Amino acid sequence: MSHQITAIPQNSSSLKLRMLIGGSVALVLIAIFLLPVKNVRPEWGQFWMVRPFIIVPLAGATGGAVSYYLTKLLPQSGWVKVATVLLSLLIYIIGLWLGTVLGLAGTLWD
């Protein structure tokens, strides 16, 4: 029995665009959450915002990439397209939440 693996056709500009959008949305959300913080604990260190500003946009960009690959893997007609969009949104929200927890662990997220 022979198995043939087919490659997913990739449009790198479309993938980059989705990753850029996902990362940008995450960056704006974490900035809205972090920038109003004025009184920080001394044990957090001087550069405590660096980790969340790196990890959360990376999680958002990963969510954008997942969205791209889901639309390439699943057929895009009828209810499957709607289910793909909803699944992508759910994965993005969960990934963004996990990225936020990981980014803020030890500081604002105790």
PDB file of N, CA and C in Angstrom:
ATOM      1  N   MET A   1       0.846  -1.168   0.000  1.00  0.00           N
ATOM      2  CA  MET A   1       0.000   0.000   0.000  1.00  0.00           C
ATOM      3  C   MET A   1       0.895   1.235   0.000  1.00  0.00           C
ATOM      4  N   SER A   2       0.695   2.062  -0.959  1.00  0.00           N
ATOM      5  CA  SER A   2       1.511   3.262  -1.115  1.00  0.00           C
ATOM      6  C   SER A   2       0.717   4.482  -0.664  1.00  0.00           C
ATOM      7  N   HIS A   3       1.340   5.280   0.171  1.00  0.00           N
ATOM      8  CA  HIS A   3       0.706   6.515   0.629  1.00  0.00           C
ATOM      9  C   HIS A   3       1.410   7.689  -0.028  1.00  0.00           C
ATOM     10  N   GLN A   4       0.615   8.569  -0.544  1.00  0.00           N
ATOM     11  CA  GLN A   4       1.172   9.735  -1.192  1.00  0.00           C
ATOM     12  C   GLN A   4       0.864  10.966  -0.344  1.00  0.00           C
ATOM     13  N   ILE A   5       1.867  11.718  -0.060  1.00  0.00           N
ATOM     14  CA  ILE A   5       1.695  12.938   0.725  1.00  0.00           C
ATOM     15  C   ILE A   5       1.677  14.105  -0.244  1.00  0.00           C
ATOM     16  N   THR A   6       0.634  14.883  -0.142  1.00  0.00           N
ATOM     17  CA  THR A   6       0.553  16.062  -1.006  1.00  0.00           C
ATOM     18  C   THR A   6       0.849  17.300  -0.181  1.00  0.00           C
ATOM     19  N   ALA A   7       1.538  18.198  -0.776  1.00  0.00           N
ATOM     20  CA  ALA A   7       1.902  19.439  -0.091  1.00  0.00           C
ATOM     21  C   ALA A   7       0.727  20.403  -0.113  1.00  0.00           C
ATOM     22  N   ILE A   8       0.629  21.181   0.936  1.00  0.00           N
ATOM     23  CA  ILE A   8      -0.394  22.229   0.994  1.00  0.00           C
ATOM     24  C   ILE A   8       0.102  23.390   0.155  1.00  0.00           C
ATOM     25  N   PRO A   9      -0.694  23.837  -0.806  1.00  0.00           N
ATOM     26  CA  PRO A   9      -0.243  24.990  -1.585  1.00  0.00           C
ATOM     27  C   PRO A   9      -0.125  26.213  -0.682  1.00  0.00           C
ATOM     28  N   GLN A  10       0.993  26.902  -0.775  1.00  0.00           N
ATOM     29  CA  GLN A  10       1.220  28.035   0.106  1.00  0.00           C
ATOM     30  C   GLN A  10       1.362  29.320  -0.679  1.00  0.00           C
ATOM     31  N   ASN A  11       0.681  30.311  -0.196  1.00  0.00           N
ATOM     32  CA  ASN A  11       0.832  31.664  -0.697  1.00  0.00           C
ATOM     33  C   ASN A  11       1.481  32.435   0.444  1.00  0.00           C
ATOM     34  N   SER A  12       2.784  32.614   0.360  1.00  0.00           N
ATOM     35  CA  SER A  12       3.508  33.177   1.502  1.00  0.00           C
ATOM     36  C   SER A  12       3.036  34.582   1.862  1.00  0.00           C
ATOM     37  N   SER A  13       2.590  35.353   0.891  1.00  0.00           N
ATOM     38  CA  SER A  13       2.124  36.700   1.232  1.00  0.00           C
ATOM     39  C   SER A  13       0.814  36.636   2.015  1.00  0.00           C
ATOM     40  N   SER A  14      -0.047  35.691   1.696  1.00  0.00           N
ATOM     41  CA  SER A  14      -1.296  35.534   2.439  1.00  0.00           C
ATOM     42  C   SER A  14      -1.023  35.032   3.858  1.00  0.00           C
ATOM     43  N   LEU A  15      -0.087  34.097   3.976  1.00  0.00           N
ATOM     44  CA  LEU A  15       0.295  33.598   5.295  1.00  0.00           C
ATOM     45  C   LEU A  15       0.895  34.714   6.142  1.00  0.00           C
ATOM     46  N   LYS A  16       1.801  35.481   5.569  1.00  0.00           N
ATOM     47  CA  LYS A  16       2.429  36.592   6.291  1.00  0.00           C
ATOM     48  C   LYS A  16       1.398  37.635   6.704  1.00  0.00           C
ATOM     49  N   LEU A  17       0.434  37.903   5.831  1.00  0.00           N
ATOM     50  CA  LEU A  17      -0.600  38.880   6.153  1.00  0.00           C
ATOM     51  C   LEU A  17      -1.441  38.426   7.337  1.00  0.00           C
ATOM     52  N   ARG A  18      -1.845  37.162   7.339  1.00  0.00           N
ATOM     53  CA  ARG A  18      -2.642  36.658   8.464  1.00  0.00           C
ATOM     54  C   ARG A  18      -1.845  36.661   9.761  1.00  0.00           C
ATOM     55  N   MET A  19      -0.573  36.303   9.670  1.00  0.00           N
ATOM     56  CA  MET A  19       0.266  36.334  10.870  1.00  0.00           C
ATOM     57  C   MET A  19       0.464  37.768  11.357  1.00  0.00           C
ATOM     58  N   LEU A  20       0.625  38.689  10.436  1.00  0.00           N
ATOM     59  CA  LEU A  20       0.790  40.097  10.803  1.00  0.00           C
ATOM     60  C   LEU A  20      -0.474  40.644  11.454  1.00  0.00           C
ATOM     61  N   ILE A  21      -1.619  40.311  10.910  1.00  0.00           N
ATOM     62  CA  ILE A  21      -2.885  40.766  11.494  1.00  0.00           C
ATOM     63  C   ILE A  21      -3.077  40.159  12.878  1.00  0.00           C
ATOM     64  N   GLY A  22      -2.848  38.849  13.018  1.00  0.00           N
ATOM     65  CA  GLY A  22      -2.997  38.192  14.319  1.00  0.00           C
ATOM     66  C   GLY A  22      -2.050  38.755  15.361  1.00  0.00           C
ATOM     67  N   GLY A  23      -0.809  38.981  14.977  1.00  0.00           N
ATOM     68  CA  GLY A  23       0.162  39.546  15.907  1.00  0.00           C
ATOM     69  C   GLY A  23      -0.138  40.989  16.262  1.00  0.00           C
ATOM     70  N   SER A  24      -0.620  41.756  15.283  1.00  0.00           N
ATOM     71  CA  SER A  24      -0.947  43.169  15.539  1.00  0.00           C
ATOM     72  C   SER A  24      -2.120  43.310  16.500  1.00  0.00           C
ATOM     73  N   VAL A  25      -3.140  42.498  16.305  1.00  0.00           N
ATOM     74  CA  VAL A  25      -4.299  42.536  17.209  1.00  0.00           C
ATOM     75  C   VAL A  25      -3.848  42.179  18.623  1.00  0.00           C
ATOM     76  N   ALA A  26      -3.015  41.155  18.744  1.00  0.00           N
ATOM     77  CA  ALA A  26      -2.519  40.750  20.067  1.00  0.00           C
ATOM     78  C   ALA A  26      -1.667  41.844  20.699  1.00  0.00           C
ATOM     79  N   LEU A  27      -0.837  42.493  19.894  1.00  0.00           N
ATOM     80  CA  LEU A  27       0.017  43.572  20.407  1.00  0.00           C
ATOM     81  C   LEU A  27      -0.823  44.739  20.929  1.00  0.00           C
ATOM     82  N   VAL A  28      -1.847  45.105  20.193  1.00  0.00           N
ATOM     83  CA  VAL A  28      -2.719  46.200  20.630  1.00  0.00           C
ATOM     84  C   VAL A  28      -3.438  45.822  21.924  1.00  0.00           C
ATOM     85  N   LEU A  29      -3.939  44.589  21.999  1.00  0.00           N
ATOM     86  CA  LEU A  29      -4.660  44.168  23.203  1.00  0.00           C
ATOM     87  C   LEU A  29      -3.757  44.147  24.432  1.00  0.00           C
ATOM     88  N   ILE A  30      -2.540  43.629  24.287  1.00  0.00           N
ATOM     89  CA  ILE A  30      -1.647  43.585  25.455  1.00  0.00           C
ATOM     90  C   ILE A  30      -1.168  44.986  25.812  1.00  0.00           C
ATOM     91  N   ALA A  31      -1.014  45.861  24.827  1.00  0.00           N
ATOM     92  CA  ALA A  31      -0.621  47.246  25.114  1.00  0.00           C
ATOM     93  C   ALA A  31      -1.720  47.970  25.879  1.00  0.00           C
ATOM     94  N   ILE A  32      -2.965  47.761  25.486  1.00  0.00           N
ATOM     95  CA  ILE A  32      -4.092  48.368  26.208  1.00  0.00           C
ATOM     96  C   ILE A  32      -4.115  47.873  27.652  1.00  0.00           C
ATOM     97  N   PHE A  33      -3.744  46.627  27.846  1.00  0.00           N
ATOM     98  CA  PHE A  33      -3.760  46.041  29.183  1.00  0.00           C
ATOM     99  C   PHE A  33      -2.564  46.485  30.030  1.00  0.00           C
ATOM    100  N   LEU A  34      -1.385  46.648  29.424  1.00  0.00           N
ATOM    101  CA  LEU A  34      -0.171  46.919  30.197  1.00  0.00           C
ATOM    102  C   LEU A  34       0.174  48.393  30.379  1.00  0.00           C
ATOM    103  N   LEU A  35      -0.056  49.197  29.388  1.00  0.00           N
ATOM    104  CA  LEU A  35       0.408  50.586  29.450  1.00  0.00           C
ATOM    105  C   LEU A  35      -0.202  51.409  30.582  1.00  0.00           C
ATOM    106  N   PRO A  36      -1.439  51.160  31.009  1.00  0.00           N
ATOM    107  CA  PRO A  36      -1.952  51.940  32.143  1.00  0.00           C
ATOM    108  C   PRO A  36      -1.326  51.589  33.496  1.00  0.00           C
ATOM    109  N   VAL A  37      -0.580  50.496  33.594  1.00  0.00           N
ATOM    110  CA  VAL A  37       0.005  50.080  34.865  1.00  0.00           C
ATOM    111  C   VAL A  37       1.120  51.052  35.247  1.00  0.00           C
ATOM    112  N   LYS A  38       0.973  51.701  36.385  1.00  0.00           N
ATOM    113  CA  LYS A  38       1.945  52.706  36.834  1.00  0.00           C
ATOM    114  C   LYS A  38       2.774  52.215  38.013  1.00  0.00           C
ATOM    115  N   ASN A  39       2.147  51.638  38.999  1.00  0.00           N
ATOM    116  CA  ASN A  39       2.852  51.206  40.205  1.00  0.00           C
ATOM    117  C   ASN A  39       3.182  49.726  40.085  1.00  0.00           C
ATOM    118  N   VAL A  40       4.445  49.439  39.809  1.00  0.00           N
ATOM    119  CA  VAL A  40       4.873  48.044  39.665  1.00  0.00           C
ATOM    120  C   VAL A  40       5.673  47.631  40.882  1.00  0.00           C
ATOM    121  N   ARG A  41       5.674  46.358  41.157  1.00  0.00           N
ATOM    122  CA  ARG A  41       6.436  45.843  42.290  1.00  0.00           C
ATOM    123  C   ARG A  41       7.923  45.804  41.918  1.00  0.00           C
ATOM    124  N   PRO A  42       8.788  46.122  42.863  1.00  0.00           N
ATOM    125  CA  PRO A  42      10.228  46.130  42.563  1.00  0.00           C
ATOM    126  C   PRO A  42      10.771  44.753  42.178  1.00  0.00           C
ATOM    127  N   GLU A  43      10.162  43.674  42.685  1.00  0.00           N
ATOM    128  CA  GLU A  43      10.670  42.335  42.368  1.00  0.00           C
ATOM    129  C   GLU A  43      10.410  41.927  40.918  1.00  0.00           C
ATOM    130  N   TRP A  44       9.582  42.676  40.191  1.00  0.00           N
ATOM    131  CA  TRP A  44       9.315  42.371  38.784  1.00  0.00           C
ATOM    132  C   TRP A  44      10.497  42.764  37.903  1.00  0.00           C
ATOM    133  N   GLY A  45      11.294  43.680  38.336  1.00  0.00           N
ATOM    134  CA  GLY A  45      12.432  44.127  37.553  1.00  0.00           C
ATOM    135  C   GLY A  45      12.088  45.314  36.682  1.00  0.00           C
ATOM    136  N   GLN A  46      13.108  45.908  36.116  1.00  0.00           N
ATOM    137  CA  GLN A  46      12.931  47.124  35.326  1.00  0.00           C
ATOM    138  C   GLN A  46      12.266  46.851  33.974  1.00  0.00           C
ATOM    139  N   PHE A  47      12.538  45.699  33.389  1.00  0.00           N
ATOM    140  CA  PHE A  47      12.031  45.392  32.053  1.00  0.00           C
ATOM    141  C   PHE A  47      10.934  44.332  32.084  1.00  0.00           C
ATOM    142  N   TRP A  48      10.033  44.414  33.029  1.00  0.00           N
ATOM    143  CA  TRP A  48       9.016  43.397  33.206  1.00  0.00           C
ATOM    144  C   TRP A  48       8.028  43.333  32.044  1.00  0.00           C
ATOM    145  N   MET A  49       7.893  44.411  31.269  1.00  0.00           N
ATOM    146  CA  MET A  49       6.939  44.427  30.157  1.00  0.00           C
ATOM    147  C   MET A  49       7.474  43.746  28.893  1.00  0.00           C
ATOM    148  N   VAL A  50       8.759  43.476  28.838  1.00  0.00           N
ATOM    149  CA  VAL A  50       9.351  42.928  27.616  1.00  0.00           C
ATOM    150  C   VAL A  50       8.766  41.556  27.286  1.00  0.00           C
ATOM    151  N   ARG A  51       8.686  40.684  28.267  1.00  0.00           N
ATOM    152  CA  ARG A  51       8.188  39.324  28.008  1.00  0.00           C
ATOM    153  C   ARG A  51       6.765  39.313  27.473  1.00  0.00           C
ATOM    154  N   PRO A  52       5.811  40.031  28.089  1.00  0.00           N
ATOM    155  CA  PRO A  52       4.465  40.018  27.511  1.00  0.00           C
ATOM    156  C   PRO A  52       4.402  40.640  26.116  1.00  0.00           C
ATOM    157  N   PHE A  53       5.227  41.673  25.874  1.00  0.00           N
ATOM    158  CA  PHE A  53       5.208  42.312  24.564  1.00  0.00           C
ATOM    159  C   PHE A  53       5.851  41.443  23.478  1.00  0.00           C
ATOM    160  N   ILE A  54       6.549  40.399  23.856  1.00  0.00           N
ATOM    161  CA  ILE A  54       7.097  39.458  22.870  1.00  0.00           C
ATOM    162  C   ILE A  54       6.197  38.234  22.737  1.00  0.00           C
ATOM    163  N   ILE A  55       5.818  37.635  23.846  1.00  0.00           N
ATOM    164  CA  ILE A  55       5.095  36.363  23.822  1.00  0.00           C
ATOM    165  C   ILE A  55       3.675  36.511  23.293  1.00  0.00           C
ATOM    166  N   VAL A  56       2.960  37.526  23.708  1.00  0.00           N
ATOM    167  CA  VAL A  56       1.558  37.665  23.295  1.00  0.00           C
ATOM    168  C   VAL A  56       1.424  37.906  21.784  1.00  0.00           C
ATOM    169  N   PRO A  57       2.203  38.804  21.172  1.00  0.00           N
ATOM    170  CA  PRO A  57       2.113  38.920  19.706  1.00  0.00           C
ATOM    171  C   PRO A  57       2.550  37.651  18.969  1.00  0.00           C
ATOM    172  N   LEU A  58       3.508  36.905  19.528  1.00  0.00           N
ATOM    173  CA  LEU A  58       3.873  35.628  18.911  1.00  0.00           C
ATOM    174  C   LEU A  58       2.712  34.642  18.954  1.00  0.00           C
ATOM    175  N   ALA A  59       1.984  34.635  20.063  1.00  0.00           N
ATOM    176  CA  ALA A  59       0.802  33.775  20.157  1.00  0.00           C
ATOM    177  C   ALA A  59      -0.260  34.218  19.150  1.00  0.00           C
ATOM    178  N   GLY A  60      -0.432  35.518  18.976  1.00  0.00           N
ATOM    179  CA  GLY A  60      -1.386  36.022  17.995  1.00  0.00           C
ATOM    180  C   GLY A  60      -0.979  35.684  16.571  1.00  0.00           C
ATOM    181  N   ALA A  61       0.312  35.782  16.271  1.00  0.00           N
ATOM    182  CA  ALA A  61       0.802  35.432  14.936  1.00  0.00           C
ATOM    183  C   ALA A  61       0.622  33.938  14.672  1.00  0.00           C
ATOM    184  N   THR A  62       0.818  33.126  15.684  1.00  0.00           N
ATOM    185  CA  THR A  62       0.594  31.688  15.545  1.00  0.00           C
ATOM    186  C   THR A  62      -0.876  31.403  15.267  1.00  0.00           C
ATOM    187  N   GLY A  63      -1.764  32.132  15.931  1.00  0.00           N
ATOM    188  CA  GLY A  63      -3.188  31.994  15.651  1.00  0.00           C
ATOM    189  C   GLY A  63      -3.527  32.369  14.220  1.00  0.00           C
ATOM    190  N   GLY A  64      -2.879  33.391  13.693  1.00  0.00           N
ATOM    191  CA  GLY A  64      -3.075  33.763  12.296  1.00  0.00           C
ATOM    192  C   GLY A  64      -2.597  32.684  11.347  1.00  0.00           C
ATOM    193  N   ALA A  65      -1.465  32.045  11.664  1.00  0.00           N
ATOM    194  CA  ALA A  65      -0.951  30.954  10.839  1.00  0.00           C
ATOM    195  C   ALA A  65      -1.885  29.748  10.880  1.00  0.00           C
ATOM    196  N   VAL A  66      -2.429  29.448  12.057  1.00  0.00           N
ATOM    197  CA  VAL A  66      -3.383  28.341  12.174  1.00  0.00           C
ATOM    198  C   VAL A  66      -4.607  28.620  11.315  1.00  0.00           C
ATOM    199  N   SER A  67      -5.068  29.847  11.326  1.00  0.00           N
ATOM    200  CA  SER A  67      -6.212  30.226  10.497  1.00  0.00           C
ATOM    201  C   SER A  67      -5.912  30.003   9.019  1.00  0.00           C
ATOM    202  N   TYR A  68      -4.728  30.384   8.583  1.00  0.00           N
ATOM    203  CA  TYR A  68      -4.336  30.198   7.179  1.00  0.00           C
ATOM    204  C   TYR A  68      -4.338  28.724   6.806  1.00  0.00           C
ATOM    205  N   TYR A  69      -3.706  27.904   7.638  1.00  0.00           N
ATOM    206  CA  TYR A  69      -3.605  26.481   7.310  1.00  0.00           C
ATOM    207  C   TYR A  69      -4.951  25.769   7.401  1.00  0.00           C
ATOM    208  N   LEU A  70      -5.812  26.192   8.301  1.00  0.00           N
ATOM    209  CA  LEU A  70      -7.153  25.584   8.355  1.00  0.00           C
ATOM    210  C   LEU A  70      -7.940  25.873   7.081  1.00  0.00           C
ATOM    211  N   THR A  71      -7.823  27.084   6.574  1.00  0.00           N
ATOM    212  CA  THR A  71      -8.554  27.401   5.339  1.00  0.00           C
ATOM    213  C   THR A  71      -7.971  26.665   4.141  1.00  0.00           C
ATOM    214  N   LYS A  72      -6.691  26.317   4.203  1.00  0.00           N
ATOM    215  CA  LYS A  72      -6.085  25.560   3.106  1.00  0.00           C
ATOM    216  C   LYS A  72      -6.407  24.070   3.202  1.00  0.00           C
ATOM    217  N   LEU A  73      -6.551  23.541   4.416  1.00  0.00           N
ATOM    218  CA  LEU A  73      -6.777  22.113   4.594  1.00  0.00           C
ATOM    219  C   LEU A  73      -8.237  21.705   4.411  1.00  0.00           C
ATOM    220  N   LEU A  74      -9.149  22.545   4.823  1.00  0.00           N
ATOM    221  CA  LEU A  74     -10.570  22.194   4.786  1.00  0.00           C
ATOM    222  C   LEU A  74     -11.243  22.792   3.554  1.00  0.00           C
ATOM    223  N   PRO A  75     -12.221  22.085   3.006  1.00  0.00           N
ATOM    224  CA  PRO A  75     -12.940  22.632   1.842  1.00  0.00           C
ATOM    225  C   PRO A  75     -13.688  23.911   2.226  1.00  0.00           C
ATOM    226  N   GLN A  76     -13.693  24.873   1.326  1.00  0.00           N
ATOM    227  CA  GLN A  76     -14.269  26.189   1.626  1.00  0.00           C
ATOM    228  C   GLN A  76     -15.592  26.392   0.899  1.00  0.00           C
ATOM    229  N   SER A  77     -16.573  25.612   1.287  1.00  0.00           N
ATOM    230  CA  SER A  77     -17.893  25.783   0.699  1.00  0.00           C
ATOM    231  C   SER A  77     -18.953  25.520   1.755  1.00  0.00           C
ATOM    232  N   GLY A  78     -19.992  26.318   1.718  1.00  0.00           N
ATOM    233  CA  GLY A  78     -21.139  26.121   2.591  1.00  0.00           C
ATOM    234  C   GLY A  78     -20.832  26.235   4.064  1.00  0.00           C
ATOM    235  N   TRP A  79     -21.384  25.308   4.829  1.00  0.00           N
ATOM    236  CA  TRP A  79     -21.270  25.357   6.280  1.00  0.00           C
ATOM    237  C   TRP A  79     -19.860  25.051   6.750  1.00  0.00           C
ATOM    238  N   VAL A  80     -19.065  24.358   5.943  1.00  0.00           N
ATOM    239  CA  VAL A  80     -17.685  24.050   6.328  1.00  0.00           C
ATOM    240  C   VAL A  80     -16.864  25.336   6.429  1.00  0.00           C
ATOM    241  N   LYS A  81     -17.135  26.287   5.549  1.00  0.00           N
ATOM    242  CA  LYS A  81     -16.426  27.567   5.601  1.00  0.00           C
ATOM    243  C   LYS A  81     -16.753  28.312   6.891  1.00  0.00           C
ATOM    244  N   VAL A  82     -18.027  28.311   7.276  1.00  0.00           N
ATOM    245  CA  VAL A  82     -18.441  28.967   8.520  1.00  0.00           C
ATOM    246  C   VAL A  82     -17.806  28.263   9.719  1.00  0.00           C
ATOM    247  N   ALA A  83     -17.809  26.934   9.696  1.00  0.00           N
ATOM    248  CA  ALA A  83     -17.205  26.170  10.789  1.00  0.00           C
ATOM    249  C   ALA A  83     -15.706  26.430  10.864  1.00  0.00           C
ATOM    250  N   THR A  84     -15.048  26.570   9.721  1.00  0.00           N
ATOM    251  CA  THR A  84     -13.615  26.852   9.694  1.00  0.00           C
ATOM    252  C   THR A  84     -13.317  28.211  10.314  1.00  0.00           C
ATOM    253  N   VAL A  85     -14.111  29.210   9.979  1.00  0.00           N
ATOM    254  CA  VAL A  85     -13.919  30.548  10.540  1.00  0.00           C
ATOM    255  C   VAL A  85     -14.148  30.521  12.053  1.00  0.00           C
ATOM    256  N   LEU A  86     -15.190  29.848  12.499  1.00  0.00           N
ATOM    257  CA  LEU A  86     -15.467  29.777  13.936  1.00  0.00           C
ATOM    258  C   LEU A  86     -14.378  29.001  14.675  1.00  0.00           C
ATOM    259  N   LEU A  87     -13.898  27.908  14.088  1.00  0.00           N
ATOM    260  CA  LEU A  87     -12.822  27.140  14.701  1.00  0.00           C
ATOM    261  C   LEU A  87     -11.541  27.969  14.761  1.00  0.00           C
ATOM    262  N   SER A  88     -11.236  28.698  13.709  1.00  0.00           N
ATOM    263  CA  SER A  88     -10.054  29.568  13.693  1.00  0.00           C
ATOM    264  C   SER A  88     -10.150  30.627  14.774  1.00  0.00           C
ATOM    265  N   LEU A  89     -11.320  31.230  14.912  1.00  0.00           N
ATOM    266  CA  LEU A  89     -11.527  32.254  15.940  1.00  0.00           C
ATOM    267  C   LEU A  89     -11.375  31.668  17.340  1.00  0.00           C
ATOM    268  N   LEU A  90     -11.925  30.488  17.558  1.00  0.00           N
ATOM    269  CA  LEU A  90     -11.811  29.831  18.860  1.00  0.00           C
ATOM    270  C   LEU A  90     -10.358  29.507  19.187  1.00  0.00           C
ATOM    271  N   ILE A  91      -9.631  28.976  18.215  1.00  0.00           N
ATOM    272  CA  ILE A  91      -8.214  28.655  18.417  1.00  0.00           C
ATOM    273  C   ILE A  91      -7.415  29.926  18.684  1.00  0.00           C
ATOM    274  N   TYR A  92      -7.729  31.004  17.969  1.00  0.00           N
ATOM    275  CA  TYR A  92      -7.031  32.273  18.176  1.00  0.00           C
ATOM    276  C   TYR A  92      -7.267  32.804  19.586  1.00  0.00           C
ATOM    277  N   ILE A  93      -8.500  32.780  20.038  1.00  0.00           N
ATOM    278  CA  ILE A  93      -8.820  33.298  21.373  1.00  0.00           C
ATOM    279  C   ILE A  93      -8.138  32.465  22.456  1.00  0.00           C
ATOM    280  N   ILE A  94      -8.178  31.141  22.326  1.00  0.00           N
ATOM    281  CA  ILE A  94      -7.525  30.276  23.316  1.00  0.00           C
ATOM    282  C   ILE A  94      -6.012  30.493  23.299  1.00  0.00           C
ATOM    283  N   GLY A  95      -5.428  30.575  22.117  1.00  0.00           N
ATOM    284  CA  GLY A  95      -3.991  30.820  22.012  1.00  0.00           C
ATOM    285  C   GLY A  95      -3.587  32.168  22.571  1.00  0.00           C
ATOM    286  N   LEU A  96      -4.413  33.182  22.317  1.00  0.00           N
ATOM    287  CA  LEU A  96      -4.135  34.511  22.848  1.00  0.00           C
ATOM    288  C   LEU A  96      -4.232  34.521  24.373  1.00  0.00           C
ATOM    289  N   TRP A  97      -5.205  33.816  24.902  1.00  0.00           N
ATOM    290  CA  TRP A  97      -5.350  33.726  26.354  1.00  0.00           C
ATOM    291  C   TRP A  97      -4.147  33.009  26.973  1.00  0.00           C
ATOM    292  N   LEU A  98      -3.732  31.889  26.369  1.00  0.00           N
ATOM    293  CA  LEU A  98      -2.577  31.157  26.895  1.00  0.00           C
ATOM    294  C   LEU A  98      -1.292  31.977  26.774  1.00  0.00           C
ATOM    295  N   GLY A  99      -1.142  32.704  25.676  1.00  0.00           N
ATOM    296  CA  GLY A  99       0.016  33.570  25.507  1.00  0.00           C
ATOM    297  C   GLY A  99       0.038  34.689  26.535  1.00  0.00           C
ATOM    298  N   THR A 100      -1.133  35.222  26.845  1.00  0.00           N
ATOM    299  CA  THR A 100      -1.225  36.277  27.855  1.00  0.00           C
ATOM    300  C   THR A 100      -0.860  35.742  29.233  1.00  0.00           C
ATOM    301  N   VAL A 101      -1.361  34.558  29.571  1.00  0.00           N
ATOM    302  CA  VAL A 101      -1.022  33.952  30.858  1.00  0.00           C
ATOM    303  C   VAL A 101       0.472  33.688  30.942  1.00  0.00           C
ATOM    304  N   LEU A 102       1.060  33.138  29.871  1.00  0.00           N
ATOM    305  CA  LEU A 102       2.484  32.855  29.863  1.00  0.00           C
ATOM    306  C   LEU A 102       3.302  34.144  29.921  1.00  0.00           C
ATOM    307  N   GLY A 103       2.869  35.171  29.215  1.00  0.00           N
ATOM    308  CA  GLY A 103       3.593  36.431  29.204  1.00  0.00           C
ATOM    309  C   GLY A 103       3.526  37.176  30.525  1.00  0.00           C
ATOM    310  N   LEU A 104       2.423  37.069  31.218  1.00  0.00           N
ATOM    311  CA  LEU A 104       2.242  37.815  32.463  1.00  0.00           C
ATOM    312  C   LEU A 104       2.520  37.005  33.719  1.00  0.00           C
ATOM    313  N   ALA A 105       2.903  35.744  33.558  1.00  0.00           N
ATOM    314  CA  ALA A 105       3.177  34.896  34.717  1.00  0.00           C
ATOM    315  C   ALA A 105       4.299  35.503  35.557  1.00  0.00           C
ATOM    316  N   GLY A 106       4.024  35.656  36.835  1.00  0.00           N
ATOM    317  CA  GLY A 106       5.027  36.216  37.736  1.00  0.00           C
ATOM    318  C   GLY A 106       4.938  37.709  37.905  1.00  0.00           C
ATOM    319  N   THR A 107       4.103  38.368  37.128  1.00  0.00           N
ATOM    320  CA  THR A 107       3.949  39.817  37.270  1.00  0.00           C
ATOM    321  C   THR A 107       2.485  40.116  37.574  1.00  0.00           C
ATOM    322  N   LEU A 108       1.763  40.576  36.595  1.00  0.00           N
ATOM    323  CA  LEU A 108       0.359  40.916  36.822  1.00  0.00           C
ATOM    324  C   LEU A 108      -0.530  39.692  36.995  1.00  0.00           C
ATOM    325  N   TRP A 109      -0.073  38.535  36.516  1.00  0.00           N
ATOM    326  CA  TRP A 109      -0.882  37.321  36.581  1.00  0.00           C
ATOM    327  C   TRP A 109      -0.298  36.424  37.654  1.00  0.00           C
ATOM    328  N   ASP A 110      -0.724  36.618  38.896  1.00  0.00           N
ATOM    329  CA  ASP A 110      -0.201  35.791  39.996  1.00  0.00           C
ATOM    330  C   ASP A 110      -1.164  34.688  40.324  1.00  0.00           C
TER     331      ASP A 110
END
